[in-house]
Amino acid sequence: MDIESPYKVGKYKVDVLSLENHLPILIPLCSEEIIIIDEIGKMECFSQKFRKVIWDLFFKPNPILGSISLKGNKFIEKIKHLPQVRLMEVNQENRNILVETIITEIALKSIKGN
């Protein structure tokens, strides 16, 4: 499928309008819902609306599980430096235990109310 877009990452064109049409699914209906974001990367950051929605999500009580680019623009770096963000790099040594680690951390934060 050929997408008309002024935005490109490598050989890929970015369909910003399609991304923005799907943003409402990120908004939690209650504070107990876990927000899952795949991913905060260069392509997604072409959208001002995406950046606004993502930023606002980090100030809700909901736990967030997401992936974020290793390298990135100022917005990505700003997210990485929020005090409520814990970065975990996935590698060969931890990939098999990472799910358990994440579930445990989310459960502990829910119990503590953080």
PDB file of N, CA and C in Angstrom:
ATOM      1  N   MET A   1       0.848  -1.179   0.000  1.00  0.00           N
ATOM      2  CA  MET A   1       0.000   0.000   0.000  1.00  0.00           C
ATOM      3  C   MET A   1       0.892   1.240   0.000  1.00  0.00           C
ATOM      4  N   ASP A   2       0.604   2.143  -0.895  1.00  0.00           N
ATOM      5  CA  ASP A   2       1.386   3.368  -0.996  1.00  0.00           C
ATOM      6  C   ASP A   2       0.666   4.489  -0.251  1.00  0.00           C
ATOM      7  N   ILE A   3       1.324   5.033   0.740  1.00  0.00           N
ATOM      8  CA  ILE A   3       0.757   6.081   1.580  1.00  0.00           C
ATOM      9  C   ILE A   3       1.288   7.429   1.111  1.00  0.00           C
ATOM     10  N   GLU A   4       0.410   8.391   0.968  1.00  0.00           N
ATOM     11  CA  GLU A   4       0.812   9.763   0.664  1.00  0.00           C
ATOM     12  C   GLU A   4       1.113  10.455   1.982  1.00  0.00           C
ATOM     13  N   SER A   5       2.360  10.828   2.188  1.00  0.00           N
ATOM     14  CA  SER A   5       2.733  11.485   3.436  1.00  0.00           C
ATOM     15  C   SER A   5       4.053  12.216   3.265  1.00  0.00           C
ATOM     16  N   PRO A   6       4.152  13.400   3.865  1.00  0.00           N
ATOM     17  CA  PRO A   6       5.435  14.109   3.833  1.00  0.00           C
ATOM     18  C   PRO A   6       6.420  13.541   4.861  1.00  0.00           C
ATOM     19  N   TYR A   7       5.938  12.657   5.738  1.00  0.00           N
ATOM     20  CA  TYR A   7       6.764  12.127   6.822  1.00  0.00           C
ATOM     21  C   TYR A   7       7.319  10.759   6.461  1.00  0.00           C
ATOM     22  N   LYS A   8       8.626  10.613   6.635  1.00  0.00           N
ATOM     23  CA  LYS A   8       9.271   9.339   6.325  1.00  0.00           C
ATOM     24  C   LYS A   8      10.279   8.985   7.412  1.00  0.00           C
ATOM     25  N   VAL A   9      10.396   7.687   7.653  1.00  0.00           N
ATOM     26  CA  VAL A   9      11.459   7.146   8.491  1.00  0.00           C
ATOM     27  C   VAL A   9      12.088   6.040   7.657  1.00  0.00           C
ATOM     28  N   GLY A  10      13.305   6.275   7.204  1.00  0.00           N
ATOM     29  CA  GLY A  10      13.934   5.334   6.286  1.00  0.00           C
ATOM     30  C   GLY A  10      13.118   5.261   5.009  1.00  0.00           C
ATOM     31  N   LYS A  11      12.771   4.059   4.610  1.00  0.00           N
ATOM     32  CA  LYS A  11      11.982   3.874   3.384  1.00  0.00           C
ATOM     33  C   LYS A  11      10.478   3.910   3.640  1.00  0.00           C
ATOM     34  N   TYR A  12      10.075   4.059   4.899  1.00  0.00           N
ATOM     35  CA  TYR A  12       8.662   4.002   5.272  1.00  0.00           C
ATOM     36  C   TYR A  12       8.039   5.390   5.378  1.00  0.00           C
ATOM     37  N   LYS A  13       6.867   5.538   4.790  1.00  0.00           N
ATOM     38  CA  LYS A  13       6.085   6.762   4.946  1.00  0.00           C
ATOM     39  C   LYS A  13       5.189   6.592   6.170  1.00  0.00           C
ATOM     40  N   VAL A  14       4.934   7.689   6.857  1.00  0.00           N
ATOM     41  CA  VAL A  14       4.173   7.654   8.100  1.00  0.00           C
ATOM     42  C   VAL A  14       2.769   8.204   7.855  1.00  0.00           C
ATOM     43  N   ASP A  15       1.768   7.393   8.193  1.00  0.00           N
ATOM     44  CA  ASP A  15       0.363   7.778   8.050  1.00  0.00           C
ATOM     45  C   ASP A  15      -0.085   8.409   9.373  1.00  0.00           C
ATOM     46  N   VAL A  16       0.192   9.685   9.547  1.00  0.00           N
ATOM     47  CA  VAL A  16      -0.103  10.399  10.787  1.00  0.00           C
ATOM     48  C   VAL A  16      -1.607  10.430  11.059  1.00  0.00           C
ATOM     49  N   LEU A  17      -2.417  10.638  10.058  1.00  0.00           N
ATOM     50  CA  LEU A  17      -3.862  10.713  10.249  1.00  0.00           C
ATOM     51  C   LEU A  17      -4.418   9.393  10.797  1.00  0.00           C
ATOM     52  N   SER A  18      -3.958   8.282  10.257  1.00  0.00           N
ATOM     53  CA  SER A  18      -4.407   6.973  10.754  1.00  0.00           C
ATOM     54  C   SER A  18      -4.016   6.784  12.217  1.00  0.00           C
ATOM     55  N   LEU A  19      -2.794   7.156  12.564  1.00  0.00           N
ATOM     56  CA  LEU A  19      -2.338   7.075  13.954  1.00  0.00           C
ATOM     57  C   LEU A  19      -3.240   7.917  14.849  1.00  0.00           C
ATOM     58  N   GLU A  20      -3.510   9.132  14.441  1.00  0.00           N
ATOM     59  CA  GLU A  20      -4.328  10.034  15.259  1.00  0.00           C
ATOM     60  C   GLU A  20      -5.763   9.533  15.406  1.00  0.00           C
ATOM     61  N   ASN A  21      -6.279   8.841  14.403  1.00  0.00           N
ATOM     62  CA  ASN A  21      -7.627   8.279  14.490  1.00  0.00           C
ATOM     63  C   ASN A  21      -7.728   7.172  15.540  1.00  0.00           C
ATOM     64  N   HIS A  22      -6.599   6.550  15.882  1.00  0.00           N
ATOM     65  CA  HIS A  22      -6.592   5.453  16.850  1.00  0.00           C
ATOM     66  C   HIS A  22      -6.199   5.896  18.261  1.00  0.00           C
ATOM     67  N   LEU A  23      -5.889   7.140  18.458  1.00  0.00           N
ATOM     68  CA  LEU A  23      -5.464   7.628  19.775  1.00  0.00           C
ATOM     69  C   LEU A  23      -6.496   7.427  20.883  1.00  0.00           C
ATOM     70  N   PRO A  24      -7.792   7.519  20.616  1.00  0.00           N
ATOM     71  CA  PRO A  24      -8.760   7.329  21.716  1.00  0.00           C
ATOM     72  C   PRO A  24      -8.650   5.979  22.426  1.00  0.00           C
ATOM     73  N   ILE A  25      -8.136   4.952  21.778  1.00  0.00           N
ATOM     74  CA  ILE A  25      -8.031   3.647  22.450  1.00  0.00           C
ATOM     75  C   ILE A  25      -6.986   3.665  23.566  1.00  0.00           C
ATOM     76  N   LEU A  26      -6.126   4.677  23.584  1.00  0.00           N
ATOM     77  CA  LEU A  26      -5.121   4.787  24.645  1.00  0.00           C
ATOM     78  C   LEU A  26      -5.685   5.380  25.933  1.00  0.00           C
ATOM     79  N   ILE A  27      -6.808   6.048  25.836  1.00  0.00           N
ATOM     80  CA  ILE A  27      -7.375   6.734  27.002  1.00  0.00           C
ATOM     81  C   ILE A  27      -8.068   5.705  27.901  1.00  0.00           C
ATOM     82  N   PRO A  28      -7.593   5.558  29.134  1.00  0.00           N
ATOM     83  CA  PRO A  28      -8.198   4.562  30.034  1.00  0.00           C
ATOM     84  C   PRO A  28      -9.598   4.985  30.484  1.00  0.00           C
ATOM     85  N   LEU A  29     -10.451   3.982  30.704  1.00  0.00           N
ATOM     86  CA  LEU A  29     -11.814   4.248  31.162  1.00  0.00           C
ATOM     87  C   LEU A  29     -11.886   4.361  32.675  1.00  0.00           C
ATOM     88  N   CYS A  30     -10.897   3.763  33.360  1.00  0.00           N
ATOM     89  CA  CYS A  30     -10.849   3.864  34.819  1.00  0.00           C
ATOM     90  C   CYS A  30      -9.386   3.793  35.269  1.00  0.00           C
ATOM     91  N   SER A  31      -9.135   4.137  36.521  1.00  0.00           N
ATOM     92  CA  SER A  31      -7.754   4.225  37.015  1.00  0.00           C
ATOM     93  C   SER A  31      -7.096   2.866  37.219  1.00  0.00           C
ATOM     94  N   GLU A  32      -7.875   1.777  37.158  1.00  0.00           N
ATOM     95  CA  GLU A  32      -7.296   0.450  37.341  1.00  0.00           C
ATOM     96  C   GLU A  32      -6.756  -0.142  36.037  1.00  0.00           C
ATOM     97  N   GLU A  33      -7.101   0.447  34.916  1.00  0.00           N
ATOM     98  CA  GLU A  33      -6.642  -0.090  33.637  1.00  0.00           C
ATOM     99  C   GLU A  33      -5.154   0.171  33.428  1.00  0.00           C
ATOM    100  N   ILE A  34      -4.485  -0.814  32.873  1.00  0.00           N
ATOM    101  CA  ILE A  34      -3.078  -0.657  32.493  1.00  0.00           C
ATOM    102  C   ILE A  34      -3.059  -0.094  31.075  1.00  0.00           C
ATOM    103  N   ILE A  35      -2.258   0.936  30.882  1.00  0.00           N
ATOM    104  CA  ILE A  35      -2.101   1.548  29.566  1.00  0.00           C
ATOM    105  C   ILE A  35      -0.910   0.874  28.889  1.00  0.00           C
ATOM    106  N   ILE A  36      -1.136   0.369  27.679  1.00  0.00           N
ATOM    107  CA  ILE A  36      -0.055  -0.277  26.929  1.00  0.00           C
ATOM    108  C   ILE A  36       0.212   0.554  25.680  1.00  0.00           C
ATOM    109  N   ILE A  37       1.468   0.960  25.530  1.00  0.00           N
ATOM    110  CA  ILE A  37       1.871   1.796  24.400  1.00  0.00           C
ATOM    111  C   ILE A  37       2.983   1.080  23.634  1.00  0.00           C
ATOM    112  N   ASP A  38       2.704   0.781  22.381  1.00  0.00           N
ATOM    113  CA  ASP A  38       3.709   0.163  21.510  1.00  0.00           C
ATOM    114  C   ASP A  38       3.727   0.956  20.216  1.00  0.00           C
ATOM    115  N   GLU A  39       4.505   1.863  20.081  1.00  0.00           N
ATOM    116  CA  GLU A  39       5.685   2.334  20.757  1.00  0.00           C
ATOM    117  C   GLU A  39       5.744   3.834  20.708  1.00  0.00           C
ATOM    118  N   ILE A  40       6.628   4.416  21.497  1.00  0.00           N
ATOM    119  CA  ILE A  40       6.916   5.840  21.396  1.00  0.00           C
ATOM    120  C   ILE A  40       8.220   5.926  20.616  1.00  0.00           C
ATOM    121  N   GLY A  41       8.093   6.225  19.347  1.00  0.00           N
ATOM    122  CA  GLY A  41       9.257   6.246  18.464  1.00  0.00           C
ATOM    123  C   GLY A  41       9.200   7.420  17.510  1.00  0.00           C
ATOM    124  N   LYS A  42      10.175   7.457  16.637  1.00  0.00           N
ATOM    125  CA  LYS A  42      10.303   8.571  15.699  1.00  0.00           C
ATOM    126  C   LYS A  42       9.057   8.727  14.828  1.00  0.00           C
ATOM    127  N   MET A  43       8.537   7.606  14.319  1.00  0.00           N
ATOM    128  CA  MET A  43       7.355   7.680  13.449  1.00  0.00           C
ATOM    129  C   MET A  43       6.169   8.304  14.163  1.00  0.00           C
ATOM    130  N   GLU A  44       5.910   7.826  15.370  1.00  0.00           N
ATOM    131  CA  GLU A  44       4.756   8.293  16.135  1.00  0.00           C
ATOM    132  C   GLU A  44       4.895   9.762  16.523  1.00  0.00           C
ATOM    133  N   CYS A  45       6.105  10.195  16.745  1.00  0.00           N
ATOM    134  CA  CYS A  45       6.337  11.564  17.215  1.00  0.00           C
ATOM    135  C   CYS A  45       6.145  12.623  16.138  1.00  0.00           C
ATOM    136  N   PHE A  46       5.895  12.210  14.899  1.00  0.00           N
ATOM    137  CA  PHE A  46       5.538  13.191  13.872  1.00  0.00           C
ATOM    138  C   PHE A  46       4.180  13.810  14.186  1.00  0.00           C
ATOM    139  N   SER A  47       3.386  13.130  15.006  1.00  0.00           N
ATOM    140  CA  SER A  47       2.047  13.622  15.340  1.00  0.00           C
ATOM    141  C   SER A  47       2.072  14.434  16.633  1.00  0.00           C
ATOM    142  N   GLN A  48       1.690  15.692  16.531  1.00  0.00           N
ATOM    143  CA  GLN A  48       1.569  16.567  17.703  1.00  0.00           C
ATOM    144  C   GLN A  48       0.493  16.021  18.646  1.00  0.00           C
ATOM    145  N   LYS A  49      -0.600  15.504  18.092  1.00  0.00           N
ATOM    146  CA  LYS A  49      -1.684  14.946  18.910  1.00  0.00           C
ATOM    147  C   LYS A  49      -1.196  13.723  19.691  1.00  0.00           C
ATOM    148  N   PHE A  50      -0.408  12.866  19.045  1.00  0.00           N
ATOM    149  CA  PHE A  50       0.148  11.692  19.720  1.00  0.00           C
ATOM    150  C   PHE A  50       1.001  12.126  20.911  1.00  0.00           C
ATOM    151  N   ARG A  51       1.888  13.091  20.675  1.00  0.00           N
ATOM    152  CA  ARG A  51       2.764  13.555  21.757  1.00  0.00           C
ATOM    153  C   ARG A  51       1.946  14.111  22.920  1.00  0.00           C
ATOM    154  N   LYS A  52       0.886  14.859  22.628  1.00  0.00           N
ATOM    155  CA  LYS A  52       0.037  15.434  23.686  1.00  0.00           C
ATOM    156  C   LYS A  52      -0.669  14.334  24.479  1.00  0.00           C
ATOM    157  N   VAL A  53      -1.267  13.370  23.784  1.00  0.00           N
ATOM    158  CA  VAL A  53      -1.968  12.276  24.464  1.00  0.00           C
ATOM    159  C   VAL A  53      -0.993  11.477  25.325  1.00  0.00           C
ATOM    160  N   ILE A  54       0.150  11.134  24.783  1.00  0.00           N
ATOM    161  CA  ILE A  54       1.140  10.340  25.527  1.00  0.00           C
ATOM    162  C   ILE A  54       1.604  11.108  26.757  1.00  0.00           C
ATOM    163  N   TRP A  55       1.938  12.362  26.590  1.00  0.00           N
ATOM    164  CA  TRP A  55       2.408  13.169  27.725  1.00  0.00           C
ATOM    165  C   TRP A  55       1.359  13.184  28.841  1.00  0.00           C
ATOM    166  N   ASP A  56       0.114  13.430  28.482  1.00  0.00           N
ATOM    167  CA  ASP A  56      -0.959  13.489  29.474  1.00  0.00           C
ATOM    168  C   ASP A  56      -1.148  12.146  30.192  1.00  0.00           C
ATOM    169  N   LEU A  57      -0.939  11.039  29.482  1.00  0.00           N
ATOM    170  CA  LEU A  57      -1.103   9.718  30.097  1.00  0.00           C
ATOM    171  C   LEU A  57      -0.135   9.494  31.256  1.00  0.00           C
ATOM    172  N   PHE A  58       1.037  10.078  31.177  1.00  0.00           N
ATOM    173  CA  PHE A  58       2.036   9.883  32.231  1.00  0.00           C
ATOM    174  C   PHE A  58       1.671  10.595  33.536  1.00  0.00           C
ATOM    175  N   PHE A  59       0.603  11.373  33.519  1.00  0.00           N
ATOM    176  CA  PHE A  59       0.172  12.065  34.728  1.00  0.00           C
ATOM    177  C   PHE A  59      -1.183  11.557  35.221  1.00  0.00           C
ATOM    178  N   LYS A  60      -1.571  10.389  34.715  1.00  0.00           N
ATOM    179  CA  LYS A  60      -2.762   9.689  35.204  1.00  0.00           C
ATOM    180  C   LYS A  60      -2.300   8.651  36.228  1.00  0.00           C
ATOM    181  N   PRO A  61      -3.210   8.149  37.046  1.00  0.00           N
ATOM    182  CA  PRO A  61      -2.812   7.161  38.058  1.00  0.00           C
ATOM    183  C   PRO A  61      -2.558   5.763  37.487  1.00  0.00           C
ATOM    184  N   ASN A  62      -2.906   5.546  36.240  1.00  0.00           N
ATOM    185  CA  ASN A  62      -2.788   4.236  35.631  1.00  0.00           C
ATOM    186  C   ASN A  62      -1.335   3.812  35.426  1.00  0.00           C
ATOM    187  N   PRO A  63      -1.061   2.521  35.641  1.00  0.00           N
ATOM    188  CA  PRO A  63       0.270   2.031  35.274  1.00  0.00           C
ATOM    189  C   PRO A  63       0.393   2.029  33.752  1.00  0.00           C
ATOM    190  N   ILE A  64       1.582   2.300  33.267  1.00  0.00           N
ATOM    191  CA  ILE A  64       1.854   2.307  31.828  1.00  0.00           C
ATOM    192  C   ILE A  64       2.948   1.295  31.548  1.00  0.00           C
ATOM    193  N   LEU A  65       2.704   0.476  30.535  1.00  0.00           N
ATOM    194  CA  LEU A  65       3.709  -0.447  30.029  1.00  0.00           C
ATOM    195  C   LEU A  65       3.901  -0.080  28.574  1.00  0.00           C
ATOM    196  N   GLY A  66       5.105   0.274  28.221  1.00  0.00           N
ATOM    197  CA  GLY A  66       5.315   0.701  26.850  1.00  0.00           C
ATOM    198  C   GLY A  66       6.707   0.430  26.361  1.00  0.00           C
ATOM    199  N   SER A  67       6.866   0.639  25.087  1.00  0.00           N
ATOM    200  CA  SER A  67       8.201   0.574  24.500  1.00  0.00           C
ATOM    201  C   SER A  67       8.527   1.964  23.970  1.00  0.00           C
ATOM    202  N   ILE A  68       9.799   2.298  24.069  1.00  0.00           N
ATOM    203  CA  ILE A  68      10.254   3.624  23.649  1.00  0.00           C
ATOM    204  C   ILE A  68      11.588   3.468  22.930  1.00  0.00           C
ATOM    205  N   SER A  69      11.801   4.292  21.947  1.00  0.00           N
ATOM    206  CA  SER A  69      13.031   4.216  21.166  1.00  0.00           C
ATOM    207  C   SER A  69      14.265   4.392  22.041  1.00  0.00           C
ATOM    208  N   LEU A  70      15.275   3.627  21.732  1.00  0.00           N
ATOM    209  CA  LEU A  70      16.540   3.746  22.436  1.00  0.00           C
ATOM    210  C   LEU A  70      17.130   5.137  22.198  1.00  0.00           C
ATOM    211  N   LYS A  71      17.069   5.567  20.948  1.00  0.00           N
ATOM    212  CA  LYS A  71      17.511   6.912  20.580  1.00  0.00           C
ATOM    213  C   LYS A  71      16.271   7.686  20.174  1.00  0.00           C
ATOM    214  N   GLY A  72      16.314   8.985  20.377  1.00  0.00           N
ATOM    215  CA  GLY A  72      15.121   9.725  19.992  1.00  0.00           C
ATOM    216  C   GLY A  72      15.287  11.219  20.057  1.00  0.00           C
ATOM    217  N   ASN A  73      14.193  11.880  19.762  1.00  0.00           N
ATOM    218  CA  ASN A  73      14.168  13.336  19.769  1.00  0.00           C
ATOM    219  C   ASN A  73      13.994  13.867  21.196  1.00  0.00           C
ATOM    220  N   LYS A  74      13.813  15.172  21.321  1.00  0.00           N
ATOM    221  CA  LYS A  74      13.676  15.794  22.648  1.00  0.00           C
ATOM    222  C   LYS A  74      12.475  15.267  23.408  1.00  0.00           C
ATOM    223  N   PHE A  75      11.363  15.010  22.705  1.00  0.00           N
ATOM    224  CA  PHE A  75      10.168  14.487  23.362  1.00  0.00           C
ATOM    225  C   PHE A  75      10.446  13.117  23.984  1.00  0.00           C
ATOM    226  N   ILE A  76      11.073  12.252  23.230  1.00  0.00           N
ATOM    227  CA  ILE A  76      11.396  10.907  23.728  1.00  0.00           C
ATOM    228  C   ILE A  76      12.319  10.997  24.932  1.00  0.00           C
ATOM    229  N   GLU A  77      13.305  11.838  24.866  1.00  0.00           N
ATOM    230  CA  GLU A  77      14.235  11.991  25.995  1.00  0.00           C
ATOM    231  C   GLU A  77      13.520  12.580  27.215  1.00  0.00           C
ATOM    232  N   LYS A  78      12.582  13.485  26.988  1.00  0.00           N
ATOM    233  CA  LYS A  78      11.811  14.087  28.075  1.00  0.00           C
ATOM    234  C   LYS A  78      10.980  13.012  28.796  1.00  0.00           C
ATOM    235  N   ILE A  79      10.345  12.127  28.020  1.00  0.00           N
ATOM    236  CA  ILE A  79       9.574  11.022  28.607  1.00  0.00           C
ATOM    237  C   ILE A  79      10.493  10.141  29.444  1.00  0.00           C
ATOM    238  N   LYS A  80      11.643   9.800  28.908  1.00  0.00           N
ATOM    239  CA  LYS A  80      12.579   8.901  29.605  1.00  0.00           C
ATOM    240  C   LYS A  80      13.039   9.471  30.941  1.00  0.00           C
ATOM    241  N   HIS A  81      13.044  10.786  31.071  1.00  0.00           N
ATOM    242  CA  HIS A  81      13.532  11.415  32.297  1.00  0.00           C
ATOM    243  C   HIS A  81      12.441  11.784  33.300  1.00  0.00           C
ATOM    244  N   LEU A  82      11.198  11.411  33.005  1.00  0.00           N
ATOM    245  CA  LEU A  82      10.137  11.647  33.989  1.00  0.00           C
ATOM    246  C   LEU A  82      10.417  10.794  35.227  1.00  0.00           C
ATOM    247  N   PRO A  83      10.188  11.332  36.422  1.00  0.00           N
ATOM    248  CA  PRO A  83      10.500  10.573  37.638  1.00  0.00           C
ATOM    249  C   PRO A  83       9.681   9.287  37.783  1.00  0.00           C
ATOM    250  N   GLN A  84       8.505   9.231  37.179  1.00  0.00           N
ATOM    251  CA  GLN A  84       7.666   8.050  37.294  1.00  0.00           C
ATOM    252  C   GLN A  84       7.987   6.964  36.259  1.00  0.00           C
ATOM    253  N   VAL A  85       8.975   7.206  35.415  1.00  0.00           N
ATOM    254  CA  VAL A  85       9.343   6.244  34.370  1.00  0.00           C
ATOM    255  C   VAL A  85      10.506   5.382  34.837  1.00  0.00           C
ATOM    256  N   ARG A  86      10.355   4.086  34.644  1.00  0.00           N
ATOM    257  CA  ARG A  86      11.444   3.134  34.904  1.00  0.00           C
ATOM    258  C   ARG A  86      11.753   2.457  33.583  1.00  0.00           C
ATOM    259  N   LEU A  87      12.972   2.634  33.114  1.00  0.00           N
ATOM    260  CA  LEU A  87      13.388   2.038  31.851  1.00  0.00           C
ATOM    261  C   LEU A  87      14.005   0.668  32.097  1.00  0.00           C
ATOM    262  N   MET A  88      13.633  -0.284  31.269  1.00  0.00           N
ATOM    263  CA  MET A  88      14.213  -1.618  31.313  1.00  0.00           C
ATOM    264  C   MET A  88      14.610  -1.987  29.896  1.00  0.00           C
ATOM    265  N   GLU A  89      15.867  -2.279  29.709  1.00  0.00           N
ATOM    266  CA  GLU A  89      16.312  -2.700  28.389  1.00  0.00           C
ATOM    267  C   GLU A  89      16.104  -4.205  28.259  1.00  0.00           C
ATOM    268  N   VAL A  90      15.544  -4.604  27.138  1.00  0.00           N
ATOM    269  CA  VAL A  90      15.362  -6.029  26.871  1.00  0.00           C
ATOM    270  C   VAL A  90      16.628  -6.545  26.201  1.00  0.00           C
ATOM    271  N   ASN A  91      17.175  -7.597  26.774  1.00  0.00           N
ATOM    272  CA  ASN A  91      18.358  -8.219  26.187  1.00  0.00           C
ATOM    273  C   ASN A  91      18.279  -9.738  26.350  1.00  0.00           C
ATOM    274  N   GLN A  92      19.254 -10.447  25.834  1.00  0.00           N
ATOM    275  CA  GLN A  92      19.230 -11.909  25.900  1.00  0.00           C
ATOM    276  C   GLN A  92      19.214 -12.435  27.326  1.00  0.00           C
ATOM    277  N   GLU A  93      19.889 -11.754  28.226  1.00  0.00           N
ATOM    278  CA  GLU A  93      19.973 -12.226  29.601  1.00  0.00           C
ATOM    279  C   GLU A  93      18.660 -12.073  30.369  1.00  0.00           C
ATOM    280  N   ASN A  94      17.888 -11.027  30.081  1.00  0.00           N
ATOM    281  CA  ASN A  94      16.685 -10.781  30.885  1.00  0.00           C
ATOM    282  C   ASN A  94      15.367 -11.046  30.172  1.00  0.00           C
ATOM    283  N   ARG A  95      15.397 -11.347  28.905  1.00  0.00           N
ATOM    284  CA  ARG A  95      14.142 -11.430  28.141  1.00  0.00           C
ATOM    285  C   ARG A  95      13.192 -12.508  28.644  1.00  0.00           C
ATOM    286  N   ASN A  96      13.706 -13.568  29.250  1.00  0.00           N
ATOM    287  CA  ASN A  96      12.839 -14.643  29.723  1.00  0.00           C
ATOM    288  C   ASN A  96      12.218 -14.362  31.090  1.00  0.00           C
ATOM    289  N   ILE A  97      12.785 -13.435  31.840  1.00  0.00           N
ATOM    290  CA  ILE A  97      12.244 -13.119  33.170  1.00  0.00           C
ATOM    291  C   ILE A  97      11.598 -11.730  33.223  1.00  0.00           C
ATOM    292  N   LEU A  98      11.694 -10.988  32.148  1.00  0.00           N
ATOM    293  CA  LEU A  98      11.207  -9.610  32.144  1.00  0.00           C
ATOM    294  C   LEU A  98       9.698  -9.514  32.372  1.00  0.00           C
ATOM    295  N   VAL A  99       8.926 -10.420  31.801  1.00  0.00           N
ATOM    296  CA  VAL A  99       7.470 -10.376  31.988  1.00  0.00           C
ATOM    297  C   VAL A  99       7.134 -10.515  33.470  1.00  0.00           C
ATOM    298  N   GLU A 100       7.758 -11.474  34.133  1.00  0.00           N
ATOM    299  CA  GLU A 100       7.505 -11.671  35.563  1.00  0.00           C
ATOM    300  C   GLU A 100       7.917 -10.437  36.370  1.00  0.00           C
ATOM    301  N   THR A 101       9.037  -9.860  36.024  1.00  0.00           N
ATOM    302  CA  THR A 101       9.535  -8.667  36.710  1.00  0.00           C
ATOM    303  C   THR A 101       8.549  -7.510  36.563  1.00  0.00           C
ATOM    304  N   ILE A 102       8.050  -7.303  35.362  1.00  0.00           N
ATOM    305  CA  ILE A 102       7.117  -6.209  35.096  1.00  0.00           C
ATOM    306  C   ILE A 102       5.800  -6.426  35.832  1.00  0.00           C
ATOM    307  N   ILE A 103       5.274  -7.632  35.778  1.00  0.00           N
ATOM    308  CA  ILE A 103       4.018  -7.937  36.479  1.00  0.00           C
ATOM    309  C   ILE A 103       4.164  -7.694  37.974  1.00  0.00           C
ATOM    310  N   THR A 104       5.284  -8.126  38.544  1.00  0.00           N
ATOM    311  CA  THR A 104       5.534  -7.930  39.970  1.00  0.00           C
ATOM    312  C   THR A 104       5.593  -6.448  40.310  1.00  0.00           C
ATOM    313  N   GLU A 105       6.300  -5.669  39.512  1.00  0.00           N
ATOM    314  CA  GLU A 105       6.415  -4.225  39.782  1.00  0.00           C
ATOM    315  C   GLU A 105       5.065  -3.522  39.684  1.00  0.00           C
ATOM    316  N   ILE A 106       4.269  -3.864  38.677  1.00  0.00           N
ATOM    317  CA  ILE A 106       2.951  -3.238  38.534  1.00  0.00           C
ATOM    318  C   ILE A 106       2.070  -3.612  39.717  1.00  0.00           C
ATOM    319  N   ALA A 107       2.112  -4.875  40.115  1.00  0.00           N
ATOM    320  CA  ALA A 107       1.308  -5.325  41.270  1.00  0.00           C
ATOM    321  C   ALA A 107       1.723  -4.598  42.541  1.00  0.00           C
ATOM    322  N   LEU A 108       3.017  -4.465  42.763  1.00  0.00           N
ATOM    323  CA  LEU A 108       3.505  -3.778  43.969  1.00  0.00           C
ATOM    324  C   LEU A 108       3.097  -2.310  43.972  1.00  0.00           C
ATOM    325  N   LYS A 109       3.186  -1.654  42.828  1.00  0.00           N
ATOM    326  CA  LYS A 109       2.793  -0.247  42.763  1.00  0.00           C
ATOM    327  C   LYS A 109       1.294  -0.093  43.006  1.00  0.00           C
ATOM    328  N   SER A 110       0.494  -1.041  42.512  1.00  0.00           N
ATOM    329  CA  SER A 110      -0.949  -0.991  42.723  1.00  0.00           C
ATOM    330  C   SER A 110      -1.288  -1.154  44.198  1.00  0.00           C
ATOM    331  N   ILE A 111      -0.565  -2.038  44.872  1.00  0.00           N
ATOM    332  CA  ILE A 111      -0.805  -2.265  46.298  1.00  0.00           C
ATOM    333  C   ILE A 111      -0.436  -1.023  47.107  1.00  0.00           C
ATOM    334  N   LYS A 112       0.701  -0.412  46.743  1.00  0.00           N
ATOM    335  CA  LYS A 112       1.174   0.778  47.472  1.00  0.00           C
ATOM    336  C   LYS A 112       0.395   2.026  47.102  1.00  0.00           C
ATOM    337  N   GLY A 113      -0.297   1.972  45.957  1.00  0.00           N
ATOM    338  CA  GLY A 113      -1.056   3.155  45.526  1.00  0.00           C
ATOM    339  C   GLY A 113      -0.203   4.172  44.821  1.00  0.00           C
ATOM    340  N   ASN A 114       0.942   3.753  44.281  1.00  0.00           N
ATOM    341  CA  ASN A 114       1.836   4.666  43.552  1.00  0.00           C
ATOM    342  C   ASN A 114       1.561   4.625  42.080  1.00  0.00           C
TER     343      ASN A 114
END
